[in-house]
C-alpha atoms as a PDB file:
ATOM      1  CA  UNK A   1     109.770  93.108  90.365  1.00  0.00           C
ATOM      2  CA  UNK A   2     106.646  92.729  91.769  1.00  0.00           C
ATOM      3  CA  UNK A   3     105.797  95.051  94.248  1.00  0.00           C
ATOM      4  CA  UNK A   4     102.259  95.872  97.152  1.00  0.00           C
ATOM      5  CA  UNK A   5     101.880  97.613  99.339  1.00  0.00           C
ATOM      6  CA  UNK A   6     104.451  96.907 102.001  1.00  0.00           C
ATOM      7  CA  UNK A   7     106.291  94.058 100.608  1.00  0.00           C
ATOM      8  CA  UNK A   8     107.978  93.524  97.107  1.00  0.00           C
ATOM      9  CA  UNK A   9     109.039  90.591  95.094  1.00  0.00           C
ATOM     10  CA  UNK A  10     113.232  90.181  92.838  1.00  0.00           C
ATOM     11  CA  UNK A  11     112.576  87.249  90.650  1.00  0.00           C
ATOM     12  CA  UNK A  12     116.331  87.675  90.139  1.00  0.00           C
ATOM     13  CA  UNK A  13     116.647  86.374  93.225  1.00  0.00           C
ATOM     14  CA  UNK A  14     114.118  84.903  94.253  1.00  0.00           C
ATOM     15  CA  UNK A  15     113.860  87.539  97.624  1.00  0.00           C
ATOM     16  CA  UNK A  16     110.616  88.906  98.960  1.00  0.00           C
ATOM     17  CA  UNK A  17     111.451  92.527 100.929  1.00  0.00           C
ATOM     18  CA  UNK A  18     109.336  94.040 103.270  1.00  0.00           C
ATOM     19  CA  UNK A  19     108.966  97.815 103.524  1.00  0.00           C
ATOM     20  CA  UNK A  20     110.210  99.170 107.475  1.00  0.00           C
ATOM     21  CA  UNK A  21     108.886 102.131 109.302  1.00  0.00           C
ATOM     22  CA  UNK A  22     112.800 104.336 107.680  1.00  0.00           C
ATOM     23  CA  UNK A  23     111.072 103.566 104.074  1.00  0.00           C
ATOM     24  CA  UNK A  24     113.607 100.878 103.585  1.00  0.00           C
ATOM     25  CA  UNK A  25     113.538  97.678 101.784  1.00  0.00           C
ATOM     26  CA  UNK A  26     114.928  94.601 103.864  1.00  0.00           C
ATOM     27  CA  UNK A  27     114.875  91.244 102.802  1.00  0.00           C
ATOM     28  CA  UNK A  28     112.395  88.660 104.499  1.00  0.00           C
ATOM     29  CA  UNK A  29     115.313  85.830 105.564  1.00  0.00           C
ATOM     30  CA  UNK A  30     114.233  83.028 108.181  1.00  0.00           C
ATOM     31  CA  UNK A  31     116.380  80.575 109.642  1.00  0.00           C
ATOM     32  CA  UNK A  32     115.509  76.625 108.455  1.00  0.00           C
ATOM     33  CA  UNK A  33     114.076  74.592 110.576  1.00  0.00           C
ATOM     34  CA  UNK A  34     116.755  72.532 112.154  1.00  0.00           C
ATOM     35  CA  UNK A  35     116.741  69.850 114.381  1.00  0.00           C
ATOM     36  CA  UNK A  36     117.069  70.653 118.206  1.00  0.00           C
ATOM     37  CA  UNK A  37     118.630  68.041 120.370  1.00  0.00           C
ATOM     38  CA  UNK A  38     118.259  68.043 123.749  1.00  0.00           C
ATOM     39  CA  UNK A  39     121.647  67.934 125.961  1.00  0.00           C
ATOM     40  CA  UNK A  40     122.546  65.272 128.269  1.00  0.00           C
ATOM     41  CA  UNK A  41     124.950  65.625 131.549  1.00  0.00           C
ATOM     42  CA  UNK A  42     128.396  65.748 129.102  1.00  0.00           C
ATOM     43  CA  UNK A  43     127.096  68.139 126.715  1.00  0.00           C
ATOM     44  CA  UNK A  44     125.740  70.544 129.429  1.00  0.00           C
ATOM     45  CA  UNK A  45     129.229  70.225 131.397  1.00  0.00           C
ATOM     46  CA  UNK A  46     131.832  71.251 127.498  1.00  0.00           C
ATOM     47  CA  UNK A  47     129.000  73.559 127.420  1.00  0.00           C
ATOM     48  CA  UNK A  48     130.040  75.366 130.906  1.00  0.00           C
ATOM     49  CA  UNK A  49     133.352  74.401 130.226  1.00  0.00           C
ATOM     50  CA  UNK A  50     133.501  76.780 126.760  1.00  0.00           C
ATOM     51  CA  UNK A  51     131.258  79.580 128.435  1.00  0.00           C
ATOM     52  CA  UNK A  52     133.654  80.016 131.453  1.00  0.00           C
ATOM     53  CA  UNK A  53     137.546  78.759 130.087  1.00  0.00           C
ATOM     54  CA  UNK A  54     137.223  79.423 126.053  1.00  0.00           C
ATOM     55  CA  UNK A  55     134.437  82.170 125.027  1.00  0.00           C
ATOM     56  CA  UNK A  56     135.790  82.652 121.989  1.00  0.00           C
ATOM     57  CA  UNK A  57     135.862  79.060 121.132  1.00  0.00           C
ATOM     58  CA  UNK A  58     132.356  79.004 122.344  1.00  0.00           C
ATOM     59  CA  UNK A  59     131.448  81.985 119.860  1.00  0.00           C
ATOM     60  CA  UNK A  60     132.944  80.596 117.394  1.00  0.00           C
ATOM     61  CA  UNK A  61     131.560  77.260 117.043  1.00  0.00           C
ATOM     62  CA  UNK A  62     128.063  79.151 117.952  1.00  0.00           C
ATOM     63  CA  UNK A  63     127.829  81.672 114.942  1.00  0.00           C
ATOM     64  CA  UNK A  64     128.829  78.949 112.652  1.00  0.00           C
ATOM     65  CA  UNK A  65     126.170  76.482 113.778  1.00  0.00           C
END
């Protein structure tokens, strides 16, 4: 492991870690660059329906990407 002042690189998993205020190293993780498409009329209607009527399904779809 390579260690700098406020960051560390773990060669075993290839991740960088940042030292936080509570003196714990947290992994530096970011979401990938995904293509975001604008929703059309029916996409917005479906989203509204899921939010109002099927919140569990909406949350599942949102969290599973």
